[in-house]
Amino acid sequence: MAGTGRPPTDQVGFVRRIGLFQATAINMSQMCGIGPFVTIPLMVAAFGGPHAVIGFVAGAVLALADGLIWAELGASLPGAGGSYVYLRQAFQYRTGKLMPFLFVWTMMLYFPVALSTGVIGFVQYLTYLWPGMTQTQGDLTGLALIALVVALLWGRVENLARITAVLWCVMIASVVLVIAAAYTHFSPDLAFTYPAGAFELTSSHFWIGFAAGLTIGIYDYGGYNTTAYMGAEIKNPGRNIPRSIIYSILGIMAIYLLLQIGTLGVVDWKEMLDPESPASSSIASAVMETTWGKGAADAVTVLILVTAVASVFTGLLGASRIPYNAAREKVFFRPFAILHQRHRFPVLGLLSMGGIGCVAFLIGRHTDLATLIQLLLTVVVLVQALGQIAAVTVLRRRQPGLRRPYRMWLYPLPSLVALVGWLVIYGYADRNSPGRHPIEWSLAWVGAGCVAFLLWARYEKVWPFGPREISEEYLHGADPDTEPAAGAGSVPDPRPDAGGAGPGTDPDGDPGTGVPAER
C-alpha cells in the first residue's frame, strides 16, 4: 500500500514557529537538569581520580557522533515523534511496525528509570539539609515526591511553558553559582594532581573505568535530541534541527567541563569517594560550603531541589504521552490512547510510568545510582541507539529520493564512532555493575517486548499476521523548509501552545507534550 500515508503538511495542529535560538535553548534545558550535580562523584569513582574529566570529553564525542545521526534523520523526517518516526520509516519494509512498537516498549522502561534518577538526586541533596534522614525516610520521601507529581498531573496542565522557563532559570542559576564559587577558590594542585597509573592505557582497570565514565557522560548529555522529537514545530527544520543539536552539545560540554574542573579544584577527589562525606552525595553543596559558606550552600541546595522537582514534573508529563501518541496512531496497545473523561490526559500512560518510576527509584536506592544509569542506557542501546545508526543507511538505500537538506559529515565515520561508543557502553555494563546484570535485564525486556508485539499484532491483524502498511509520506510530501506556516509528523504532538484546537490542547483536547523526559 505504498503512498497511502498522509503528507506531512496535511495534519492539523502544528505550527512551525521555533527558531534556532529557541531550539538550542530547549535542547540545553533538557540536557542540563540535576544530572551533573549527582554524577561528578560517580565519574571520579569510575576513574579513581581527577582525570575523570576524560569521561565528560568522551561523552561529548559520543554525543556529537550520535547527534549527527539525529541531525540527518531529523532534517529529512521533521515530524513530531523523533525515533518513533525514523524507525517506522526505515524498517517498515521488512518488519512492519515492530521497531516503532519496540521503541515505545523500551521507552516505557527507559523514561521512568531516567526520572527516578532525578528523584534519587533530590533525596541525596535533601540529606544535606536533613542530615539525620534514615534510609526508610529517604525511600518514603522519594515515593511521596513521585506520588505528588502524579497527583499534580492528574488534571489539565496549562502552564507548561512557564514551568519550563522557571526550570531553565533555576538550573542556570544553580550552575552559574557553583561555577563562580569554584573558580574564586580554585586550586590547580587539587584539580591536576593525578594518582599513579592514572593514564596507564594498557591496564584493564583504565578501560573499565573509561566505559563507566562514558556511560555516565552520555547520560549527562542526554537531551541533545529534544528538538528532533519536536520536528513538526521547528522553523526551517533542515537547517535548524542539525544546528540546534550540534550547538547544544558544544555549549553543554563547555559548561560541564567548567563545572567538573572547578569542582575538582575545590574539593579533594578522595572526599567524593567517602560515603560519609557530603561531597559524595551533594557535591554542589559541598563546593558552596567550602567557598562561600553554609548559608550559600543551603541556598544553592534549595535551587537544586527545585530543579529536581521541576525536571521530574516536566519529564513525567512528556513521558506519559509517548505510549498515548503511539496508541492513537495504532502502533501500541489501544488502552493507552484512552484519555481522562474530564481532564483529557492519558490515564494509563501516567499511572504506568509513575508506577515503574517508583519501582526504579527503590531499586536505585537499594543498589546505587550508577547501576540505575547502566540499566537505563543498556535498554536504550538495543532499539533506539543501534536502530537509528542502521536507519540512516537503510533510508539512504530504501528512499534515495528523500529530501536530505543535511547529510551527515564524513559519512559513515560518525555512525561507526557512535556504534563503537554504544557497544562499549553495552559490552562493559555487567562488569561495571557486578551482580546486577543490566545486559540480561535489557535483553529480557526487549524479548518481552517482542512477545508483546506478536500478541498485539495478532489482535490488530498487522504484520506478521497481516499485510505490511508502507507509508512514505516524507518521501512524497511537501518541503517543510518552504512552508513555514504549518507542519506535522506522524505522531501528534499535543504540547501546550503547540497550535491546533486551542490553548493547551491538541485536536482531541489533550494537554500533553511530545518532549522526551528530562533527567
Protein backbone atom coordinates (compact mmCIF):
# COMPACT_ATOMS: atom_id res chain seq x y z
CA MET A 1 0.00 0.00 0.00
CA ALA A 2 2.81 2.38 -0.87
CA GLY A 3 1.96 6.01 -0.94
CA THR A 4 -1.07 5.75 1.31
CA GLY A 5 0.40 7.87 4.08
CA ARG A 6 -0.78 11.42 4.62
CA PRO A 7 1.61 14.15 3.52
CA PRO A 8 3.40 15.68 6.49
CA THR A 9 1.78 19.05 5.92
CA ASP A 10 -1.80 17.79 5.85
CA GLN A 11 -2.21 17.15 9.57
CA VAL A 12 -3.80 19.93 11.56
CA GLY A 13 -2.39 21.11 14.86
CA PHE A 14 1.24 22.15 14.35
CA VAL A 15 2.83 25.49 13.63
CA ARG A 16 6.50 25.86 12.72
CA ARG A 17 7.46 28.78 14.92
CA ILE A 18 10.51 27.62 16.94
CA GLY A 19 13.69 29.21 15.61
CA LEU A 20 17.33 28.23 16.02
CA PHE A 21 17.95 30.09 19.29
CA GLN A 22 14.81 28.69 20.93
CA ALA A 23 15.54 25.19 19.66
CA THR A 24 19.08 25.28 21.05
CA ALA A 25 17.80 26.56 24.40
CA ILE A 26 15.22 23.77 24.54
CA ASN A 27 17.91 21.15 23.96
CA MET A 28 20.22 22.66 26.56
CA SER A 29 17.47 22.92 29.18
CA GLN A 30 16.72 19.22 28.70
CA MET A 31 20.40 18.28 28.85
CA CYS A 32 21.36 20.14 31.99
CA GLY A 33 18.99 19.09 34.75
CA ILE A 34 20.14 17.65 38.07
CA GLY A 35 22.39 15.15 36.26
CA PRO A 36 25.79 16.86 36.63
CA PHE A 37 25.12 17.65 40.29
CA VAL A 38 24.86 13.95 41.16
CA THR A 39 27.22 12.30 38.68
CA ILE A 40 30.52 14.10 39.31
CA PRO A 41 31.33 11.82 42.28
CA LEU A 42 30.28 8.80 40.18
CA MET A 43 32.65 9.89 37.42
CA VAL A 44 35.50 10.32 39.90
CA ALA A 45 34.79 6.89 41.36
CA ALA A 46 34.81 5.33 37.88
CA PHE A 47 38.26 6.72 37.03
CA GLY A 48 39.71 6.81 40.54
CA GLY A 49 40.98 10.36 40.37
CA PRO A 50 40.62 13.85 38.88
CA HIS A 51 41.32 12.52 35.39
CA ALA A 52 37.59 11.77 35.47
CA VAL A 53 37.30 14.79 33.14
CA ILE A 54 38.05 12.25 30.39
CA GLY A 55 34.57 10.83 30.91
CA PHE A 56 32.84 14.10 30.10
CA VAL A 57 35.02 14.58 27.00
CA ALA A 58 34.32 11.01 25.83
CA GLY A 59 30.61 11.53 26.46
CA ALA A 60 30.71 14.68 24.34
CA VAL A 61 32.43 12.83 21.46
CA LEU A 62 29.77 10.11 21.52
CA ALA A 63 27.01 12.71 21.79
CA LEU A 64 28.40 14.58 18.77
CA ALA A 65 28.69 11.41 16.68
CA ASP A 66 25.21 10.25 17.66
CA GLY A 67 23.94 13.82 17.30
CA LEU A 68 24.94 13.84 13.62
CA ILE A 69 22.77 10.75 13.15
CA TRP A 70 19.85 12.55 14.79
CA ALA A 71 20.65 15.61 12.66
CA GLU A 72 20.34 13.78 9.33
CA LEU A 73 17.21 11.90 10.37
CA GLY A 74 15.61 14.96 11.97
CA ALA A 75 16.30 17.17 8.96
CA SER A 76 14.93 14.67 6.44
CA LEU A 77 11.98 13.41 8.57
CA PRO A 78 10.97 16.53 10.51
CA GLY A 79 7.86 15.25 12.26
CA ALA A 80 6.80 15.03 15.89
CA GLY A 81 7.91 11.78 17.47
CA GLY A 82 11.65 11.55 16.77
CA SER A 83 12.83 7.93 16.92
CA TYR A 84 9.28 6.68 16.51
CA VAL A 85 9.13 8.24 13.04
CA TYR A 86 12.67 7.29 11.99
CA LEU A 87 12.39 3.63 12.98
CA ARG A 88 8.99 3.26 11.38
CA GLN A 89 10.11 4.80 8.10
CA ALA A 90 13.34 2.79 7.88
CA PHE A 91 12.19 -0.67 8.94
CA GLN A 92 8.57 -0.80 7.72
CA TYR A 93 9.60 -2.63 4.53
CA ARG A 94 10.67 -5.85 6.27
CA THR A 95 9.36 -5.83 9.85
CA GLY A 96 6.22 -3.73 9.63
CA LYS A 97 5.54 -1.88 12.88
CA LEU A 98 7.89 -3.98 15.03
CA MET A 99 10.61 -1.35 15.52
CA PRO A 100 8.37 1.61 16.45
CA PHE A 101 6.43 -0.73 18.78
CA LEU A 102 9.68 -1.83 20.46
CA PHE A 103 10.76 1.80 20.73
CA VAL A 104 7.64 2.67 22.71
CA TRP A 105 8.02 -0.53 24.74
CA THR A 106 11.60 0.31 25.72
CA MET A 107 10.66 3.92 26.47
CA MET A 108 8.08 2.55 28.92
CA LEU A 109 11.08 1.43 30.97
CA TYR A 110 13.70 3.99 29.98
CA PHE A 111 11.82 7.16 30.87
CA PRO A 112 10.59 6.07 34.33
CA VAL A 113 14.11 4.86 35.17
CA ALA A 114 15.57 8.16 33.95
CA LEU A 115 13.02 10.08 36.03
CA SER A 116 13.83 8.00 39.09
CA THR A 117 17.45 9.16 38.89
CA GLY A 118 16.18 12.71 39.35
CA VAL A 119 14.20 11.61 42.42
CA ILE A 120 17.31 9.91 43.83
CA GLY A 121 19.21 13.15 43.25
CA PHE A 122 16.50 15.04 45.10
CA VAL A 123 16.80 12.74 48.12
CA GLN A 124 20.60 12.92 48.06
CA TYR A 125 20.61 16.73 48.17
CA LEU A 126 17.84 16.77 50.74
CA THR A 127 20.17 14.89 53.09
CA TYR A 128 22.39 17.98 53.11
CA LEU A 129 19.55 19.97 54.68
CA TRP A 130 18.29 16.96 56.65
CA PRO A 131 21.47 15.12 57.70
CA GLY A 132 19.64 12.75 60.05
CA MET A 133 17.48 11.25 57.31
CA THR A 134 17.28 7.45 57.56
CA GLN A 135 17.13 5.02 54.64
CA THR A 136 13.42 4.44 55.22
CA GLN A 137 12.68 8.15 55.46
CA GLY A 138 14.57 8.72 52.21
CA ASP A 139 12.61 5.95 50.49
CA LEU A 140 9.29 7.36 51.67
CA THR A 141 10.30 10.88 50.66
CA GLY A 142 11.12 9.80 47.12
CA LEU A 143 7.91 7.80 46.75
CA ALA A 144 5.93 10.73 48.11
CA LEU A 145 7.56 13.03 45.55
CA ILE A 146 6.57 10.75 42.68
CA ALA A 147 3.03 10.46 44.06
CA LEU A 148 2.83 14.26 44.39
CA VAL A 149 3.93 14.77 40.79
CA VAL A 150 1.37 12.22 39.54
CA ALA A 151 -1.32 14.00 41.58
CA LEU A 152 -0.33 17.37 40.12
CA LEU A 153 -0.51 15.92 36.62
CA TRP A 154 -3.94 14.41 37.34
CA GLY A 155 -5.62 17.26 35.56
CA ARG A 156 -5.10 19.87 32.89
CA VAL A 157 -1.65 21.36 32.57
CA GLU A 158 -1.98 24.80 31.06
CA ASN A 159 1.31 26.40 32.07
CA LEU A 160 3.97 24.00 30.83
CA ALA A 161 5.86 26.80 29.06
CA ARG A 162 6.09 28.80 32.30
CA ILE A 163 7.18 25.74 34.28
CA THR A 164 9.89 25.02 31.72
CA ALA A 165 11.07 28.65 31.84
CA VAL A 166 11.30 28.53 35.65
CA LEU A 167 13.23 25.26 35.43
CA TRP A 168 15.65 26.79 32.94
CA CYS A 169 16.27 29.86 35.10
CA VAL A 170 16.71 27.87 38.33
CA MET A 171 19.04 25.40 36.61
CA ILE A 172 21.17 28.15 35.07
CA ALA A 173 21.35 30.00 38.39
CA SER A 174 22.48 26.84 40.17
CA VAL A 175 25.19 26.02 37.63
CA VAL A 176 26.47 29.59 37.38
CA LEU A 177 26.68 30.00 41.16
CA VAL A 178 28.56 26.72 41.63
CA ILE A 179 31.00 27.51 38.80
CA ALA A 180 31.57 31.05 40.08
CA ALA A 181 32.17 29.82 43.62
CA ALA A 182 34.56 27.12 42.42
CA TYR A 183 36.79 29.44 40.42
CA THR A 184 37.02 32.05 43.17
CA HIS A 185 38.75 29.40 45.32
CA PHE A 186 40.32 27.23 42.62
CA SER A 187 43.39 25.13 43.46
CA PRO A 188 45.29 23.75 40.43
CA ASP A 189 47.07 21.25 42.70
CA LEU A 190 43.77 19.63 43.62
CA ALA A 191 42.45 19.62 40.06
CA PHE A 192 45.55 18.46 38.21
CA THR A 193 47.42 16.13 40.57
CA TYR A 194 46.75 12.60 39.37
CA PRO A 195 47.30 9.28 41.17
CA ALA A 196 50.00 6.89 39.94
CA GLY A 197 48.99 4.92 36.86
CA ALA A 198 46.08 7.23 36.06
CA PHE A 199 46.78 7.12 32.31
CA GLU A 200 48.06 3.56 32.03
CA LEU A 201 46.32 2.63 28.79
CA THR A 202 47.48 -0.99 28.90
CA SER A 203 45.60 -1.55 32.15
CA SER A 204 42.17 -3.18 32.06
CA HIS A 205 41.29 -1.04 35.07
CA PHE A 206 41.59 2.10 32.92
CA TRP A 207 39.29 0.78 30.21
CA ILE A 208 36.67 -0.49 32.64
CA GLY A 209 36.71 2.96 34.23
CA PHE A 210 36.58 4.56 30.79
CA ALA A 211 33.48 2.54 29.85
CA ALA A 212 31.78 3.51 33.12
CA GLY A 213 32.76 7.15 32.59
CA LEU A 214 31.48 7.09 29.00
CA THR A 215 28.16 5.73 30.28
CA ILE A 216 27.84 8.47 32.88
CA GLY A 217 28.97 11.09 30.37
CA ILE A 218 26.38 10.23 27.71
CA TYR A 219 23.72 10.09 30.44
CA ASP A 220 24.61 13.66 31.38
CA TYR A 221 24.44 14.81 27.74
CA GLY A 222 21.06 13.18 27.22
CA GLY A 223 18.54 15.64 25.75
CA TYR A 224 20.53 16.89 22.75
CA ASN A 225 17.89 15.24 20.57
CA THR A 226 14.86 17.03 22.05
CA THR A 227 14.23 19.24 19.01
CA ALA A 228 14.18 16.15 16.80
CA TYR A 229 11.16 14.97 18.80
CA MET A 230 9.60 18.38 18.12
CA GLY A 231 10.43 18.36 14.41
CA ALA A 232 6.90 19.38 13.38
CA GLU A 233 7.27 22.73 15.16
CA ILE A 234 10.78 23.78 14.13
CA LYS A 235 11.08 26.53 11.53
CA ASN A 236 13.31 25.60 8.59
CA PRO A 237 13.95 22.15 10.16
CA GLY A 238 16.50 21.11 7.54
CA ARG A 239 18.78 23.85 8.84
CA ASN A 240 17.75 24.40 12.44
CA ILE A 241 17.44 20.84 13.76
CA PRO A 242 21.05 19.89 12.93
CA ARG A 243 22.44 23.19 14.21
CA SER A 244 20.43 23.10 17.43
CA ILE A 245 21.78 19.62 18.17
CA ILE A 246 25.42 20.50 17.48
CA TYR A 247 25.34 23.89 19.23
CA SER A 248 23.67 22.49 22.34
CA ILE A 249 26.22 19.68 22.68
CA LEU A 250 29.15 22.09 22.35
CA GLY A 251 27.56 24.55 24.80
CA ILE A 252 26.79 21.94 27.44
CA MET A 253 30.24 20.41 27.01
CA ALA A 254 31.79 23.78 27.91
CA ILE A 255 29.50 24.12 30.95
CA TYR A 256 30.20 20.58 32.16
CA LEU A 257 33.96 20.91 31.79
CA LEU A 258 33.94 24.19 33.72
CA LEU A 259 31.80 22.59 36.41
CA GLN A 260 33.82 19.37 36.64
CA ILE A 261 37.27 21.01 36.66
CA GLY A 262 36.11 23.75 39.02
CA THR A 263 34.69 21.21 41.45
CA LEU A 264 37.89 19.16 41.41
CA GLY A 265 39.82 22.35 42.16
CA VAL A 266 37.87 22.95 45.37
CA VAL A 267 37.02 19.54 46.85
CA ASP A 268 39.63 16.80 47.23
CA TRP A 269 38.53 13.96 44.95
CA LYS A 270 39.10 11.44 47.73
CA GLU A 271 36.27 13.07 49.71
CA MET A 272 33.90 12.26 46.86
CA LEU A 273 34.59 8.56 47.43
CA ASP A 274 33.81 8.73 51.16
CA PRO A 275 30.14 7.78 51.69
CA GLU A 276 30.15 9.71 54.98
CA SER A 277 31.19 12.96 53.28
CA PRO A 278 28.63 15.42 51.85
CA ALA A 279 30.86 15.57 48.77
CA SER A 280 29.78 12.04 47.79
CA SER A 281 26.05 12.78 47.74
CA SER A 282 25.70 16.56 47.34
CA ILE A 283 28.87 17.79 45.68
CA ALA A 284 27.48 21.20 44.68
CA SER A 285 26.51 21.93 48.30
CA ALA A 286 30.00 20.88 49.41
CA VAL A 287 31.59 23.25 46.89
CA MET A 288 29.42 26.15 48.05
CA GLU A 289 30.08 25.48 51.74
CA THR A 290 33.84 25.26 51.18
CA THR A 291 33.94 28.51 49.20
CA TRP A 292 31.12 30.85 50.23
CA GLY A 293 29.91 29.30 53.49
CA LYS A 294 26.97 27.32 54.84
CA GLY A 295 24.32 29.93 54.03
CA ALA A 296 25.23 29.98 50.33
CA ALA A 297 25.36 26.17 50.33
CA ASP A 298 21.85 25.94 51.78
CA ALA A 299 20.50 28.41 49.21
CA VAL A 300 22.01 26.57 46.24
CA THR A 301 20.81 23.25 47.66
CA VAL A 302 17.26 24.60 47.63
CA LEU A 303 17.70 25.68 43.98
CA ILE A 304 18.92 22.20 43.08
CA LEU A 305 15.94 20.63 44.86
CA VAL A 306 13.62 22.86 42.83
CA THR A 307 15.46 21.82 39.66
CA ALA A 308 14.97 18.16 40.56
CA VAL A 309 11.25 18.52 41.27
CA ALA A 310 10.61 20.55 38.14
CA SER A 311 12.54 18.10 35.95
CA VAL A 312 10.58 15.14 37.32
CA PHE A 313 7.34 17.05 36.74
CA THR A 314 8.02 18.04 33.13
CA GLY A 315 9.68 14.69 32.43
CA LEU A 316 6.74 12.59 33.61
CA LEU A 317 4.36 14.89 31.76
CA GLY A 318 6.17 14.22 28.48
CA ALA A 319 6.89 10.54 29.06
CA SER A 320 3.28 9.67 29.85
CA ARG A 321 2.23 10.96 26.42
CA ILE A 322 4.59 8.73 24.43
CA PRO A 323 2.53 5.50 24.64
CA TYR A 324 -0.60 7.62 24.20
CA ASN A 325 0.66 9.05 20.91
CA ALA A 326 1.68 5.61 19.65
CA ALA A 327 -1.62 4.01 20.67
CA ARG A 328 -3.56 6.76 18.95
CA GLU A 329 -1.57 6.01 15.79
CA LYS A 330 -2.45 2.29 16.23
CA VAL A 331 1.15 1.23 16.89
CA PHE A 332 0.69 0.31 20.57
CA PHE A 333 -1.92 -1.12 22.89
CA ARG A 334 -5.25 0.67 22.48
CA PRO A 335 -5.95 1.27 26.21
CA PHE A 336 -3.03 3.73 26.29
CA ALA A 337 -4.99 6.00 23.93
CA ILE A 338 -7.81 6.49 26.45
CA LEU A 339 -7.99 9.99 27.93
CA HIS A 340 -9.43 11.00 31.29
CA GLN A 341 -13.06 11.82 30.65
CA ARG A 342 -12.95 15.24 32.28
CA HIS A 343 -9.33 16.47 32.26
CA ARG A 344 -8.29 14.86 28.97
CA PHE A 345 -4.92 13.37 29.92
CA PRO A 346 -3.72 9.78 29.21
CA VAL A 347 -4.58 7.91 32.40
CA LEU A 348 -2.81 4.60 31.74
CA GLY A 349 0.39 6.24 30.50
CA LEU A 350 0.64 8.47 33.56
CA LEU A 351 -0.11 5.70 36.07
CA SER A 352 2.15 3.11 34.44
CA MET A 353 5.09 5.50 34.12
CA GLY A 354 4.61 6.67 37.70
CA GLY A 355 4.42 3.09 38.98
CA ILE A 356 7.52 1.95 37.10
CA GLY A 357 9.29 5.07 38.33
CA CYS A 358 8.53 4.12 41.94
CA VAL A 359 9.97 0.62 41.45
CA ALA A 360 13.06 2.01 39.68
CA PHE A 361 13.59 4.55 42.48
CA LEU A 362 13.55 1.82 45.14
CA ILE A 363 15.93 -0.32 43.08
CA GLY A 364 18.31 2.62 42.77
CA ARG A 365 18.07 3.45 46.46
CA HIS A 366 18.90 -0.11 47.47
CA THR A 367 21.65 -0.62 44.89
CA ASP A 368 23.25 2.58 43.65
CA LEU A 369 22.71 5.36 41.14
CA ALA A 370 25.43 4.06 38.82
CA THR A 371 23.58 0.75 38.45
CA LEU A 372 20.38 2.57 37.55
CA ILE A 373 22.20 4.57 34.88
CA GLN A 374 23.71 1.37 33.47
CA LEU A 375 20.25 -0.22 33.29
CA LEU A 376 18.53 2.66 31.53
CA LEU A 377 21.31 3.02 28.94
CA THR A 378 21.55 -0.70 28.13
CA VAL A 379 17.82 -0.64 27.45
CA VAL A 380 18.07 2.33 25.09
CA VAL A 381 21.10 0.96 23.21
CA LEU A 382 19.39 -2.11 21.74
CA VAL A 383 16.46 -0.46 19.96
CA GLN A 384 16.93 3.29 19.74
CA ALA A 385 20.69 3.85 19.50
CA LEU A 386 21.65 0.89 17.31
CA GLY A 387 18.36 1.09 15.41
CA GLN A 388 18.95 4.69 14.38
CA ILE A 389 22.54 4.01 13.32
CA ALA A 390 21.15 1.39 10.94
CA ALA A 391 18.22 3.62 9.95
CA VAL A 392 20.48 6.24 8.35
CA THR A 393 21.97 3.66 5.99
CA VAL A 394 18.67 1.84 5.40
CA LEU A 395 16.88 5.07 4.44
CA ARG A 396 19.68 6.11 2.09
CA ARG A 397 19.15 2.81 0.28
CA ARG A 398 15.35 2.47 0.60
CA GLN A 399 14.44 6.12 -0.01
CA PRO A 400 17.26 7.59 -2.12
CA GLY A 401 14.93 10.34 -3.30
CA LEU A 402 14.15 11.52 0.23
CA ARG A 403 14.92 15.22 0.65
CA ARG A 404 18.07 15.49 2.78
CA PRO A 405 18.87 19.14 3.49
CA TYR A 406 21.54 17.94 5.90
CA ARG A 407 23.74 14.94 5.18
CA MET A 408 25.97 13.56 7.89
CA TRP A 409 29.50 14.95 7.78
CA LEU A 410 32.17 12.37 6.85
CA TYR A 411 29.56 9.61 6.46
CA PRO A 412 29.83 6.83 7.61
CA LEU A 413 32.54 7.77 10.15
CA PRO A 414 30.15 9.32 12.75
CA SER A 415 27.95 6.22 12.51
CA LEU A 416 30.96 4.00 13.17
CA VAL A 417 32.12 6.15 16.11
CA ALA A 418 28.62 6.07 17.60
CA LEU A 419 28.40 2.32 17.01
CA VAL A 420 31.68 1.70 18.84
CA GLY A 421 30.69 4.03 21.69
CA TRP A 422 27.31 2.42 22.27
CA LEU A 423 28.77 -1.08 22.04
CA VAL A 424 31.44 -0.17 24.62
CA ILE A 425 28.71 1.04 26.98
CA TYR A 426 26.67 -2.10 26.41
CA GLY A 427 29.57 -4.56 26.46
CA TYR A 428 31.01 -3.29 29.76
CA ALA A 429 27.65 -2.85 31.52
CA ASP A 430 27.80 -6.09 33.50
CA ARG A 431 31.44 -5.54 34.51
CA ASN A 432 30.61 -2.08 35.81
CA SER A 433 27.58 -3.35 37.72
CA PRO A 434 28.76 -6.75 39.02
CA GLY A 435 25.95 -8.97 40.19
CA ARG A 436 23.26 -6.62 38.83
CA HIS A 437 23.14 -7.99 35.24
CA PRO A 438 21.94 -4.91 33.29
CA ILE A 439 22.66 -6.66 29.97
CA GLU A 440 20.48 -9.64 30.88
CA TRP A 441 17.70 -7.37 32.13
CA SER A 442 17.78 -5.31 28.94
CA LEU A 443 17.63 -8.44 26.77
CA ALA A 444 14.75 -9.78 28.86
CA TRP A 445 12.83 -6.50 28.48
CA VAL A 446 13.31 -6.37 24.70
CA GLY A 447 12.44 -10.08 24.46
CA ALA A 448 9.25 -9.46 26.40
CA GLY A 449 8.55 -6.58 24.01
CA CYS A 450 8.83 -8.92 21.03
CA VAL A 451 6.32 -11.29 22.63
CA ALA A 452 4.01 -8.35 23.40
CA PHE A 453 4.31 -7.19 19.79
CA LEU A 454 3.29 -10.60 18.46
CA LEU A 455 0.24 -10.67 20.73
CA TRP A 456 -0.67 -7.12 19.73
CA ALA A 457 -0.03 -7.75 16.01
CA ARG A 458 -2.24 -10.86 16.06
CA TYR A 459 -5.05 -8.90 17.69
CA GLU A 460 -4.68 -5.97 15.26
CA LYS A 461 -4.10 -8.29 12.25
CA VAL A 462 -0.96 -6.48 11.09
CA TRP A 463 2.42 -7.91 10.02
CA PRO A 464 3.33 -10.74 10.59
CA PHE A 465 -0.36 -11.68 10.80
CA GLY A 466 -1.47 -9.30 8.09
CA PRO A 467 -0.13 -7.12 5.27
CA ARG A 468 2.64 -4.60 5.82
CA GLU A 469 1.47 -0.99 5.73
CA ILE A 470 4.04 1.03 3.78
CA SER A 471 3.86 4.77 4.38
CA GLU A 472 6.34 7.03 2.56
CA GLU A 473 4.73 10.36 3.36
CA TYR A 474 8.04 12.17 3.84
CA LEU A 475 9.30 10.93 0.50
CA HIS A 476 6.27 12.31 -1.32
CA GLY A 477 5.30 15.22 0.95
CA ALA A 478 5.95 18.93 0.51
CA ASP A 479 9.21 20.58 1.54
CA PRO A 480 8.72 21.82 5.15
CA ASP A 481 11.52 24.36 4.75
CA THR A 482 9.47 26.18 2.12
CA GLU A 483 6.19 26.01 4.09
CA PRO A 484 6.89 27.55 7.50
CA ALA A 485 3.26 28.15 8.35
CA ALA A 486 2.48 24.58 9.33
CA GLY A 487 3.94 21.14 9.53
CA ALA A 488 3.14 17.82 11.03
CA GLY A 489 4.59 14.44 11.67
CA SER A 490 3.01 11.09 12.06
CA VAL A 491 2.79 11.21 15.83
CA PRO A 492 0.59 14.06 17.09
CA ASP A 493 2.37 16.38 19.47
CA PRO A 494 -0.22 17.94 21.78
CA ARG A 495 2.02 20.18 23.85
CA PRO A 496 0.51 23.37 25.27
CA ASP A 497 0.63 26.30 22.90
CA ALA A 498 1.61 23.98 20.04
CA GLY A 499 -1.32 25.17 17.97
CA GLY A 500 -4.34 23.17 16.99
CA ALA A 501 -7.66 23.10 18.77
CA GLY A 502 -6.91 25.83 21.24
CA PRO A 503 -4.56 26.95 24.01
CA GLY A 504 -3.12 23.95 25.82
CA THR A 505 -4.95 21.34 23.75
CA ASP A 506 -4.43 19.16 20.73
CA PRO A 507 -7.26 18.47 18.32
CA ASP A 508 -8.54 15.84 20.75
CA GLY A 509 -8.27 18.16 23.74
CA ASP A 510 -5.21 16.55 25.32
CA PRO A 511 -2.89 18.89 27.23
CA GLY A 512 0.11 16.67 26.65
CA THR A 513 3.64 17.03 25.39
CA GLY A 514 5.78 15.30 22.86
CA VAL A 515 9.01 16.38 24.52
CA PRO A 516 11.04 13.48 25.94
CA ALA A 517 11.53 13.24 29.67
CA GLU A 518 14.32 15.12 31.34
CA ARG A 519 16.60 13.76 33.97
